Amino acid sequence: MREVADGLAWFKSTYSNGAGNCVEIAATTGSAYVRDSKDPHGPALRFSADAWFSFVQAVKDDEIA
């Protein structure tokens, strides 16, 4: 699912369940944003593209559960 808000295109995690317990991600050149899908108008965390890539790679490599 994609929603455009605050000038960002937000995508719900593919691991989202029907109860809405998930995160949403938005990406721009050089940054990634993460927010709680239950509070779309609440705060979002901003990560550099390098930090986000490192996090995603660590999850894929099973270094983070």
PDB file of N, CA and C in Angstrom:
ATOM      1  N   MET A   1       0.840  -1.176   0.000  1.00  0.00           N
ATOM      2  CA  MET A   1       0.000   0.000   0.000  1.00  0.00           C
ATOM      3  C   MET A   1       0.884   1.237   0.000  1.00  0.00           C
ATOM      4  N   ARG A   2       0.536   2.229  -0.774  1.00  0.00           N
ATOM      5  CA  ARG A   2       1.316   3.454  -0.872  1.00  0.00           C
ATOM      6  C   ARG A   2       0.427   4.636  -0.530  1.00  0.00           C
ATOM      7  N   GLU A   3       0.942   5.532   0.292  1.00  0.00           N
ATOM      8  CA  GLU A   3       0.223   6.742   0.659  1.00  0.00           C
ATOM      9  C   GLU A   3       1.187   7.906   0.527  1.00  0.00           C
ATOM     10  N   VAL A   4       0.747   8.987  -0.072  1.00  0.00           N
ATOM     11  CA  VAL A   4       1.580  10.171  -0.174  1.00  0.00           C
ATOM     12  C   VAL A   4       1.131  11.152   0.903  1.00  0.00           C
ATOM     13  N   ALA A   5       2.051  11.500   1.799  1.00  0.00           N
ATOM     14  CA  ALA A   5       1.771  12.444   2.889  1.00  0.00           C
ATOM     15  C   ALA A   5       3.048  13.207   3.175  1.00  0.00           C
ATOM     16  N   ASP A   6       2.919  14.469   3.481  1.00  0.00           N
ATOM     17  CA  ASP A   6       4.078  15.308   3.787  1.00  0.00           C
ATOM     18  C   ASP A   6       5.102  15.301   2.653  1.00  0.00           C
ATOM     19  N   GLY A   7       4.635  15.107   1.437  1.00  0.00           N
ATOM     20  CA  GLY A   7       5.541  15.083   0.297  1.00  0.00           C
ATOM     21  C   GLY A   7       6.326  13.798   0.149  1.00  0.00           C
ATOM     22  N   LEU A   8       6.022  12.784   0.970  1.00  0.00           N
ATOM     23  CA  LEU A   8       6.722  11.503   0.913  1.00  0.00           C
ATOM     24  C   LEU A   8       5.755  10.398   0.502  1.00  0.00           C
ATOM     25  N   ALA A   9       6.249   9.440  -0.252  1.00  0.00           N
ATOM     26  CA  ALA A   9       5.460   8.260  -0.624  1.00  0.00           C
ATOM     27  C   ALA A   9       5.760   7.165   0.392  1.00  0.00           C
ATOM     28  N   TRP A  10       4.769   6.860   1.239  1.00  0.00           N
ATOM     29  CA  TRP A  10       4.926   5.878   2.305  1.00  0.00           C
ATOM     30  C   TRP A  10       4.474   4.503   1.840  1.00  0.00           C
ATOM     31  N   PHE A  11       5.259   3.482   2.181  1.00  0.00           N
ATOM     32  CA  PHE A  11       4.953   2.102   1.843  1.00  0.00           C
ATOM     33  C   PHE A  11       4.858   1.294   3.119  1.00  0.00           C
ATOM     34  N   LYS A  12       3.809   0.489   3.218  1.00  0.00           N
ATOM     35  CA  LYS A  12       3.642  -0.376   4.381  1.00  0.00           C
ATOM     36  C   LYS A  12       4.539  -1.601   4.224  1.00  0.00           C
ATOM     37  N   SER A  13       5.086  -2.062   5.319  1.00  0.00           N
ATOM     38  CA  SER A  13       5.943  -3.233   5.308  1.00  0.00           C
ATOM     39  C   SER A  13       5.215  -4.440   4.723  1.00  0.00           C
ATOM     40  N   THR A  14       5.932  -5.247   3.975  1.00  0.00           N
ATOM     41  CA  THR A  14       5.337  -6.476   3.428  1.00  0.00           C
ATOM     42  C   THR A  14       5.095  -7.502   4.526  1.00  0.00           C
ATOM     43  N   TYR A  15       5.671  -7.291   5.709  1.00  0.00           N
ATOM     44  CA  TYR A  15       5.461  -8.182   6.845  1.00  0.00           C
ATOM     45  C   TYR A  15       4.295  -7.725   7.707  1.00  0.00           C
ATOM     46  N   SER A  16       3.566  -6.728   7.265  1.00  0.00           N
ATOM     47  CA  SER A  16       2.432  -6.192   8.009  1.00  0.00           C
ATOM     48  C   SER A  16       1.369  -7.265   8.192  1.00  0.00           C
ATOM     49  N   ASN A  17       0.724  -7.239   9.364  1.00  0.00           N
ATOM     50  CA  ASN A  17      -0.378  -8.176   9.572  1.00  0.00           C
ATOM     51  C   ASN A  17      -1.709  -7.435   9.487  1.00  0.00           C
ATOM     52  N   GLY A  18      -2.786  -8.147   9.507  1.00  0.00           N
ATOM     53  CA  GLY A  18      -4.115  -7.555   9.383  1.00  0.00           C
ATOM     54  C   GLY A  18      -4.504  -6.637  10.522  1.00  0.00           C
ATOM     55  N   ALA A  19      -3.835  -6.753  11.658  1.00  0.00           N
ATOM     56  CA  ALA A  19      -4.147  -5.908  12.812  1.00  0.00           C
ATOM     57  C   ALA A  19      -3.511  -4.528  12.704  1.00  0.00           C
ATOM     58  N   GLY A  20      -2.713  -4.320  11.660  1.00  0.00           N
ATOM     59  CA  GLY A  20      -2.096  -3.015  11.459  1.00  0.00           C
ATOM     60  C   GLY A  20      -0.826  -2.799  12.255  1.00  0.00           C
ATOM     61  N   ASN A  21      -0.277  -3.860  12.818  1.00  0.00           N
ATOM     62  CA  ASN A  21       0.963  -3.740  13.587  1.00  0.00           C
ATOM     63  C   ASN A  21       2.160  -3.792  12.648  1.00  0.00           C
ATOM     64  N   CYS A  22       2.551  -2.621  12.174  1.00  0.00           N
ATOM     65  CA  CYS A  22       3.656  -2.603  11.231  1.00  0.00           C
ATOM     66  C   CYS A  22       4.275  -1.214  11.161  1.00  0.00           C
ATOM     67  N   VAL A  23       5.292  -1.113  10.353  1.00  0.00           N
ATOM     68  CA  VAL A  23       5.930   0.167  10.104  1.00  0.00           C
ATOM     69  C   VAL A  23       5.719   0.535   8.642  1.00  0.00           C
ATOM     70  N   GLU A  24       5.893   1.810   8.366  1.00  0.00           N
ATOM     71  CA  GLU A  24       5.845   2.303   6.997  1.00  0.00           C
ATOM     72  C   GLU A  24       7.175   2.976   6.698  1.00  0.00           C
ATOM     73  N   ILE A  25       7.590   2.888   5.454  1.00  0.00           N
ATOM     74  CA  ILE A  25       8.877   3.402   5.015  1.00  0.00           C
ATOM     75  C   ILE A  25       8.663   4.389   3.882  1.00  0.00           C
ATOM     76  N   ALA A  26       9.441   5.465   3.887  1.00  0.00           N
ATOM     77  CA  ALA A  26       9.483   6.408   2.772  1.00  0.00           C
ATOM     78  C   ALA A  26      10.953   6.687   2.490  1.00  0.00           C
ATOM     79  N   ALA A  27      11.308   6.828   1.241  1.00  0.00           N
ATOM     80  CA  ALA A  27      12.704   7.076   0.883  1.00  0.00           C
ATOM     81  C   ALA A  27      12.815   8.300  -0.011  1.00  0.00           C
ATOM     82  N   THR A  28      13.872   9.052   0.204  1.00  0.00           N
ATOM     83  CA  THR A  28      14.226  10.170  -0.659  1.00  0.00           C
ATOM     84  C   THR A  28      15.693   9.989  -1.024  1.00  0.00           C
ATOM     85  N   THR A  29      16.186  10.821  -1.864  1.00  0.00           N
ATOM     86  CA  THR A  29      17.603  10.753  -2.188  1.00  0.00           C
ATOM     87  C   THR A  29      18.411  11.037  -0.929  1.00  0.00           C
ATOM     88  N   GLY A  30      19.127  10.057  -0.466  1.00  0.00           N
ATOM     89  CA  GLY A  30      19.991  10.232   0.687  1.00  0.00           C
ATOM     90  C   GLY A  30      19.375   9.948   2.042  1.00  0.00           C
ATOM     91  N   SER A  31      18.065   9.699   2.125  1.00  0.00           N
ATOM     92  CA  SER A  31      17.421   9.466   3.425  1.00  0.00           C
ATOM     93  C   SER A  31      16.336   8.407   3.333  1.00  0.00           C
ATOM     94  N   ALA A  32      16.096   7.772   4.479  1.00  0.00           N
ATOM     95  CA  ALA A  32      14.971   6.848   4.629  1.00  0.00           C
ATOM     96  C   ALA A  32      14.224   7.260   5.888  1.00  0.00           C
ATOM     97  N   TYR A  33      12.903   7.204   5.837  1.00  0.00           N
ATOM     98  CA  TYR A  33      12.052   7.578   6.962  1.00  0.00           C
ATOM     99  C   TYR A  33      11.239   6.368   7.382  1.00  0.00           C
ATOM    100  N   VAL A  34      11.033   6.216   8.688  1.00  0.00           N
ATOM    101  CA  VAL A  34      10.268   5.098   9.238  1.00  0.00           C
ATOM    102  C   VAL A  34       9.262   5.668  10.224  1.00  0.00           C
ATOM    103  N   ARG A  35       8.010   5.185  10.148  1.00  0.00           N
ATOM    104  CA  ARG A  35       6.981   5.629  11.087  1.00  0.00           C
ATOM    105  C   ARG A  35       6.082   4.465  11.462  1.00  0.00           C
ATOM    106  N   ASP A  36       5.356   4.636  12.544  1.00  0.00           N
ATOM    107  CA  ASP A  36       4.387   3.655  13.013  1.00  0.00           C
ATOM    108  C   ASP A  36       3.123   3.812  12.176  1.00  0.00           C
ATOM    109  N   SER A  37       2.670   2.748  11.557  1.00  0.00           N
ATOM    110  CA  SER A  37       1.487   2.833  10.685  1.00  0.00           C
ATOM    111  C   SER A  37       0.220   3.185  11.457  1.00  0.00           C
ATOM    112  N   LYS A  38       0.197   2.917  12.765  1.00  0.00           N
ATOM    113  CA  LYS A  38      -0.986   3.241  13.572  1.00  0.00           C
ATOM    114  C   LYS A  38      -1.052   4.731  13.904  1.00  0.00           C
ATOM    115  N   ASP A  39       0.050   5.458  13.686  1.00  0.00           N
ATOM    116  CA  ASP A  39       0.115   6.887  13.999  1.00  0.00           C
ATOM    117  C   ASP A  39       0.775   7.630  12.837  1.00  0.00           C
ATOM    118  N   PRO A  40       0.114   7.670  11.673  1.00  0.00           N
ATOM    119  CA  PRO A  40       0.742   8.256  10.488  1.00  0.00           C
ATOM    120  C   PRO A  40       1.038   9.750  10.598  1.00  0.00           C
ATOM    121  N   HIS A  41       0.404  10.434  11.527  1.00  0.00           N
ATOM    122  CA  HIS A  41       0.671  11.865  11.690  1.00  0.00           C
ATOM    123  C   HIS A  41       1.652  12.120  12.833  1.00  0.00           C
ATOM    124  N   GLY A  42       2.105  11.047  13.444  1.00  0.00           N
ATOM    125  CA  GLY A  42       3.070  11.152  14.536  1.00  0.00           C
ATOM    126  C   GLY A  42       4.481  11.299  13.990  1.00  0.00           C
ATOM    127  N   PRO A  43       5.457  11.150  14.852  1.00  0.00           N
ATOM    128  CA  PRO A  43       6.843  11.351  14.438  1.00  0.00           C
ATOM    129  C   PRO A  43       7.337  10.242  13.514  1.00  0.00           C
ATOM    130  N   ALA A  44       8.329  10.595  12.723  1.00  0.00           N
ATOM    131  CA  ALA A  44       9.000   9.633  11.852  1.00  0.00           C
ATOM    132  C   ALA A  44      10.492   9.704  12.163  1.00  0.00           C
ATOM    133  N   LEU A  45      11.141   8.569  12.105  1.00  0.00           N
ATOM    134  CA  LEU A  45      12.586   8.515  12.285  1.00  0.00           C
ATOM    135  C   LEU A  45      13.250   8.689  10.926  1.00  0.00           C
ATOM    136  N   ARG A  46      14.317   9.474  10.882  1.00  0.00           N
ATOM    137  CA  ARG A  46      15.046   9.704   9.632  1.00  0.00           C
ATOM    138  C   ARG A  46      16.427   9.071   9.756  1.00  0.00           C
ATOM    139  N   PHE A  47      16.796   8.309   8.732  1.00  0.00           N
ATOM    140  CA  PHE A  47      18.097   7.656   8.682  1.00  0.00           C
ATOM    141  C   PHE A  47      18.808   8.057   7.397  1.00  0.00           C
ATOM    142  N   SER A  48      20.118   8.123   7.447  1.00  0.00           N
ATOM    143  CA  SER A  48      20.866   8.344   6.201  1.00  0.00           C
ATOM    144  C   SER A  48      20.696   7.102   5.334  1.00  0.00           C
ATOM    145  N   ALA A  49      20.890   7.269   4.047  1.00  0.00           N
ATOM    146  CA  ALA A  49      20.758   6.133   3.130  1.00  0.00           C
ATOM    147  C   ALA A  49      21.750   5.033   3.501  1.00  0.00           C
ATOM    148  N   ASP A  50      22.976   5.409   3.880  1.00  0.00           N
ATOM    149  CA  ASP A  50      23.982   4.414   4.263  1.00  0.00           C
ATOM    150  C   ASP A  50      23.575   3.644   5.514  1.00  0.00           C
ATOM    151  N   ALA A  51      23.061   4.362   6.522  1.00  0.00           N
ATOM    152  CA  ALA A  51      22.629   3.694   7.750  1.00  0.00           C
ATOM    153  C   ALA A  51      21.471   2.748   7.463  1.00  0.00           C
ATOM    154  N   TRP A  52      20.514   3.174   6.636  1.00  0.00           N
ATOM    155  CA  TRP A  52      19.360   2.332   6.317  1.00  0.00           C
ATOM    156  C   TRP A  52      19.795   1.092   5.549  1.00  0.00           C
ATOM    157  N   PHE A  53      20.690   1.269   4.581  1.00  0.00           N
ATOM    158  CA  PHE A  53      21.179   0.134   3.811  1.00  0.00           C
ATOM    159  C   PHE A  53      21.872  -0.867   4.732  1.00  0.00           C
ATOM    160  N   SER A  54      22.691  -0.374   5.652  1.00  0.00           N
ATOM    161  CA  SER A  54      23.393  -1.262   6.592  1.00  0.00           C
ATOM    162  C   SER A  54      22.405  -2.030   7.459  1.00  0.00           C
ATOM    163  N   PHE A  55      21.364  -1.365   7.933  1.00  0.00           N
ATOM    164  CA  PHE A  55      20.339  -2.023   8.745  1.00  0.00           C
ATOM    165  C   PHE A  55      19.626  -3.114   7.949  1.00  0.00           C
ATOM    166  N   VAL A  56      19.176  -2.778   6.753  1.00  0.00           N
ATOM    167  CA  VAL A  56      18.452  -3.752   5.918  1.00  0.00           C
ATOM    168  C   VAL A  56      19.355  -4.941   5.606  1.00  0.00           C
ATOM    169  N   GLN A  57      20.612  -4.684   5.286  1.00  0.00           N
ATOM    170  CA  GLN A  57      21.544  -5.777   4.977  1.00  0.00           C
ATOM    171  C   GLN A  57      21.756  -6.666   6.193  1.00  0.00           C
ATOM    172  N   ALA A  58      21.858  -6.064   7.385  1.00  0.00           N
ATOM    173  CA  ALA A  58      22.041  -6.859   8.603  1.00  0.00           C
ATOM    174  C   ALA A  58      20.819  -7.744   8.860  1.00  0.00           C
ATOM    175  N   VAL A  59      19.617  -7.230   8.607  1.00  0.00           N
ATOM    176  CA  VAL A  59      18.406  -8.038   8.769  1.00  0.00           C
ATOM    177  C   VAL A  59      18.425  -9.192   7.773  1.00  0.00           C
ATOM    178  N   LYS A  60      18.744  -8.891   6.525  1.00  0.00           N
ATOM    179  CA  LYS A  60      18.792  -9.947   5.507  1.00  0.00           C
ATOM    180  C   LYS A  60      19.817 -11.017   5.841  1.00  0.00           C
ATOM    181  N   ASP A  61      20.932 -10.594   6.459  1.00  0.00           N
ATOM    182  CA  ASP A  61      21.995 -11.549   6.816  1.00  0.00           C
ATOM    183  C   ASP A  61      21.730 -12.237   8.148  1.00  0.00           C
ATOM    184  N   ASP A  62      20.547 -12.026   8.721  1.00  0.00           N
ATOM    185  CA  ASP A  62      20.138 -12.627  10.004  1.00  0.00           C
ATOM    186  C   ASP A  62      21.000 -12.178  11.168  1.00  0.00           C
ATOM    187  N   GLU A  63      21.582 -10.991  11.060  1.00  0.00           N
ATOM    188  CA  GLU A  63      22.372 -10.453  12.160  1.00  0.00           C
ATOM    189  C   GLU A  63      21.472  -9.749  13.174  1.00  0.00           C
ATOM    190  N   ILE A  64      20.266  -9.364  12.737  1.00  0.00           N
ATOM    191  CA  ILE A  64      19.291  -8.686  13.592  1.00  0.00           C
ATOM    192  C   ILE A  64      17.984  -9.445  13.497  1.00  0.00           C
ATOM    193  N   ALA A  65      17.388  -9.754  14.624  1.00  0.00           N
ATOM    194  CA  ALA A  65      16.115 -10.478  14.612  1.00  0.00           C
ATOM    195  C   ALA A  65      14.969  -9.524  14.697  1.00  0.00           C
TER     196      ALA A  65
END
